[in-house]
N, C-alpha and C. Protein backbone atom coordinates (compact mmCIF):
# COMPACT_ATOMS: atom_id res chain seq x y z
N MET A 1 0.90 -1.21 -0.08
CA MET A 1 0.05 0.05 -0.02
C MET A 1 0.92 1.22 0.03
N LYS A 2 0.58 2.08 -0.84
CA LYS A 2 1.38 3.40 -0.93
C LYS A 2 0.73 4.44 -0.04
N LEU A 3 1.47 5.02 0.87
CA LEU A 3 0.87 5.99 1.82
C LEU A 3 0.90 7.38 1.25
N ASP A 4 -0.06 8.09 1.47
CA ASP A 4 -0.07 9.54 1.15
C ASP A 4 0.99 10.21 1.99
N GLU A 5 1.58 11.25 1.47
CA GLU A 5 2.81 11.83 2.15
C GLU A 5 2.39 12.39 3.58
N LYS A 6 1.18 12.48 3.86
CA LYS A 6 0.72 12.98 5.17
C LYS A 6 0.30 11.85 6.10
N ASP A 7 0.22 10.65 5.62
CA ASP A 7 -0.30 9.50 6.43
C ASP A 7 0.79 8.69 7.13
N PHE A 8 0.45 8.00 8.23
CA PHE A 8 1.19 6.99 8.81
C PHE A 8 0.21 5.91 9.32
N ILE A 9 0.71 4.76 9.60
CA ILE A 9 -0.05 3.63 10.04
C ILE A 9 0.62 3.01 11.32
N VAL A 10 -0.11 2.77 12.35
CA VAL A 10 0.42 2.08 13.49
C VAL A 10 -0.30 0.78 13.65
N GLU A 11 0.36 -0.31 13.61
CA GLU A 11 -0.20 -1.68 13.70
C GLU A 11 0.37 -2.41 14.95
N LEU A 12 -0.61 -2.77 15.80
CA LEU A 12 -0.27 -3.52 17.01
C LEU A 12 -0.61 -4.98 16.83
N ARG A 13 0.29 -5.91 17.22
CA ARG A 13 -0.04 -7.31 17.25
C ARG A 13 0.08 -7.77 18.76
N GLY A 14 -1.06 -7.79 19.39
CA GLY A 14 -0.99 -8.01 20.91
C GLY A 14 -0.36 -6.90 21.52
N ASN A 15 0.38 -7.23 22.68
CA ASN A 15 1.20 -6.31 23.42
C ASN A 15 2.67 -6.52 23.17
N ARG A 16 3.10 -7.22 22.18
CA ARG A 16 4.42 -7.66 22.05
C ARG A 16 5.05 -7.14 20.71
N ASN A 17 4.32 -6.48 19.80
CA ASN A 17 4.87 -6.19 18.48
C ASN A 17 4.08 -4.98 17.98
N CYS A 18 4.94 -3.97 17.52
CA CYS A 18 4.26 -2.79 16.87
C CYS A 18 5.03 -2.40 15.61
N LEU A 19 4.37 -2.21 14.55
CA LEU A 19 4.93 -1.83 13.32
C LEU A 19 4.36 -0.48 12.94
N ILE A 20 5.20 0.48 12.64
CA ILE A 20 4.85 1.89 12.27
C ILE A 20 5.35 2.18 10.90
N GLU A 21 4.44 2.55 10.02
CA GLU A 21 4.76 2.95 8.59
C GLU A 21 4.62 4.43 8.48
N GLY A 22 5.46 5.03 7.76
CA GLY A 22 5.28 6.46 7.49
C GLY A 22 6.06 7.36 8.46
N ILE A 23 7.10 6.76 9.09
CA ILE A 23 7.95 7.58 10.07
C ILE A 23 8.98 8.39 9.17
N THR A 24 9.44 9.43 9.86
CA THR A 24 10.52 10.34 9.28
C THR A 24 11.80 10.28 10.06
N GLY A 25 11.76 9.64 11.28
CA GLY A 25 12.99 9.52 12.14
C GLY A 25 12.58 9.03 13.50
N LEU A 26 13.67 8.94 14.30
CA LEU A 26 13.44 8.54 15.66
C LEU A 26 13.70 9.77 16.52
N ALA A 27 12.87 10.00 17.57
CA ALA A 27 13.06 11.09 18.60
C ALA A 27 13.70 10.58 19.89
N GLU A 28 13.37 9.25 20.14
CA GLU A 28 13.93 8.64 21.31
C GLU A 28 14.02 7.12 21.18
N TYR A 29 15.08 6.55 21.74
CA TYR A 29 15.07 5.09 21.68
C TYR A 29 15.81 4.52 22.89
N GLY A 30 15.08 3.66 23.60
CA GLY A 30 15.56 3.06 24.85
C GLY A 30 14.84 1.82 25.17
N GLU A 31 15.21 1.09 26.24
CA GLU A 31 14.61 -0.15 26.60
C GLU A 31 13.20 0.11 27.13
N ASN A 32 12.88 1.23 27.63
CA ASN A 32 11.58 1.46 28.27
C ASN A 32 10.73 2.46 27.45
N ALA A 33 11.31 3.06 26.43
CA ALA A 33 10.52 4.11 25.66
C ALA A 33 11.17 4.24 24.24
N VAL A 34 10.33 4.25 23.27
CA VAL A 34 10.68 4.57 21.85
C VAL A 34 9.68 5.51 21.33
N ALA A 35 10.24 6.58 20.68
CA ALA A 35 9.41 7.68 20.15
C ALA A 35 9.87 7.83 18.67
N ALA A 36 9.00 7.76 17.69
CA ALA A 36 9.22 7.92 16.26
C ALA A 36 8.51 9.20 15.74
N ARG A 37 9.20 9.96 15.00
CA ARG A 37 8.60 11.10 14.35
C ARG A 37 7.87 10.61 13.10
N ALA A 38 6.67 10.95 13.02
CA ALA A 38 5.81 10.70 11.78
C ALA A 38 5.31 12.03 11.26
N ARG A 39 4.63 11.97 10.19
CA ARG A 39 4.21 13.19 9.48
C ARG A 39 3.22 13.95 10.32
N GLY A 40 3.70 15.00 11.02
CA GLY A 40 2.80 15.85 11.82
C GLY A 40 2.64 15.26 13.27
N ALA A 41 3.26 14.24 13.63
CA ALA A 41 3.06 13.72 14.97
C ALA A 41 4.31 13.06 15.50
N VAL A 42 4.33 12.68 16.79
CA VAL A 42 5.25 11.74 17.41
C VAL A 42 4.47 10.63 18.05
N ILE A 43 4.96 9.38 17.64
CA ILE A 43 4.26 8.24 18.14
C ILE A 43 5.25 7.63 19.26
N ARG A 44 4.73 7.59 20.49
CA ARG A 44 5.55 7.19 21.57
C ARG A 44 5.05 5.71 22.15
N ILE A 45 5.99 4.92 22.33
CA ILE A 45 5.71 3.55 22.77
C ILE A 45 6.42 3.33 24.14
N ASN A 46 5.70 2.97 25.14
CA ASN A 46 6.36 2.74 26.45
C ASN A 46 6.12 1.17 26.79
N GLY A 47 7.04 0.73 27.54
CA GLY A 47 6.98 -0.73 27.98
C GLY A 47 8.31 -1.17 28.57
N LYS A 48 8.52 -2.40 28.53
CA LYS A 48 9.70 -3.04 29.09
C LYS A 48 10.37 -3.91 28.02
N GLY A 49 11.73 -3.87 28.10
CA GLY A 49 12.51 -4.70 27.12
C GLY A 49 12.22 -4.37 25.70
N LEU A 50 11.91 -3.10 25.39
CA LEU A 50 11.71 -2.77 24.04
C LEU A 50 13.00 -2.77 23.25
N ARG A 51 12.82 -3.29 21.95
CA ARG A 51 13.94 -3.19 21.03
C ARG A 51 13.40 -3.13 19.65
N MET A 52 14.24 -2.59 18.72
CA MET A 52 13.94 -2.44 17.38
C MET A 52 14.25 -3.71 16.62
N TYR A 53 13.39 -4.25 15.90
CA TYR A 53 13.74 -5.44 15.16
C TYR A 53 13.79 -5.14 13.65
N MET A 54 13.27 -3.92 13.29
CA MET A 54 13.39 -3.52 11.90
C MET A 54 13.25 -2.02 11.77
N MET A 55 14.17 -1.46 10.89
CA MET A 55 13.98 -0.12 10.47
C MET A 55 14.45 -0.01 8.99
N ALA A 56 13.55 0.31 8.11
CA ALA A 56 13.81 0.33 6.68
C ALA A 56 12.88 1.38 6.01
N GLU A 57 13.51 2.15 5.12
CA GLU A 57 12.79 3.26 4.51
C GLU A 57 12.01 4.12 5.47
N ASP A 58 10.69 3.97 5.51
CA ASP A 58 9.84 4.73 6.49
C ASP A 58 9.20 3.78 7.43
N ARG A 59 9.68 2.68 7.82
CA ARG A 59 9.14 1.71 8.65
C ARG A 59 9.97 1.43 9.88
N LEU A 60 9.33 1.20 11.07
CA LEU A 60 9.91 0.88 12.29
C LEU A 60 9.22 -0.24 12.91
N GLY A 61 9.91 -1.28 13.31
CA GLY A 61 9.33 -2.47 14.01
C GLY A 61 9.84 -2.47 15.42
N ILE A 62 8.97 -2.52 16.45
CA ILE A 62 9.42 -2.55 17.80
C ILE A 62 8.76 -3.79 18.45
N CYS A 63 9.59 -4.51 19.26
CA CYS A 63 8.96 -5.62 20.06
C CYS A 63 9.45 -5.57 21.46
N GLY A 64 8.79 -6.30 22.30
CA GLY A 64 8.98 -6.26 23.76
C GLY A 64 7.55 -6.23 24.43
N GLU A 65 7.60 -5.91 25.72
CA GLU A 65 6.33 -5.77 26.45
C GLU A 65 5.78 -4.34 26.31
N ILE A 66 4.86 -4.17 25.45
CA ILE A 66 4.30 -2.85 25.07
C ILE A 66 3.13 -2.53 26.12
N SER A 67 3.24 -1.38 26.82
CA SER A 67 2.20 -1.07 27.75
C SER A 67 1.42 0.18 27.35
N LEU A 68 1.97 1.07 26.51
CA LEU A 68 1.32 2.26 26.09
C LEU A 68 1.77 2.75 24.69
N VAL A 69 0.77 3.09 23.87
CA VAL A 69 1.19 3.73 22.64
C VAL A 69 0.41 5.09 22.61
N GLN A 70 1.14 6.05 22.38
CA GLN A 70 0.66 7.40 22.55
C GLN A 70 0.94 8.28 21.26
N LEU A 71 -0.02 9.02 20.86
CA LEU A 71 0.15 9.89 19.63
C LEU A 71 0.08 11.38 20.18
N GLU A 72 1.16 11.97 19.81
CA GLU A 72 1.30 13.43 20.18
C GLU A 72 1.35 14.18 18.89
N GLN A 73 0.34 15.07 18.67
CA GLN A 73 0.21 15.81 17.44
C GLN A 73 1.32 16.98 17.57
N ASN A 74 1.88 17.37 16.38
CA ASN A 74 2.67 18.54 16.41
C ASN A 74 2.60 19.28 15.03
N ASP A 75 3.22 20.38 14.98
CA ASP A 75 3.01 21.13 13.66
C ASP A 75 4.24 20.87 12.71
N ASP A 76 5.14 20.09 13.16
CA ASP A 76 6.32 19.73 12.21
C ASP A 76 5.83 18.75 11.24
N LYS A 77 6.03 19.00 9.93
CA LYS A 77 5.62 18.16 8.97
C LYS A 77 6.73 17.49 8.19
């Protein structure tokens, strides 16, 4: 699927796997928190034992024990 330049997709598979498409970069990366910049937003994932299993083009895959996924709107595009 081709995303519009303003779109992003967050896909959760249970509480152990998160795939984000449409990212423009990382804002934070650690074992307990990961934040990805997306088009007009920051997607923050909190949990335990988080790790990146994939980062390619505009995609980011995170696995671990996910407890919170939060969307923060911003004006940066």
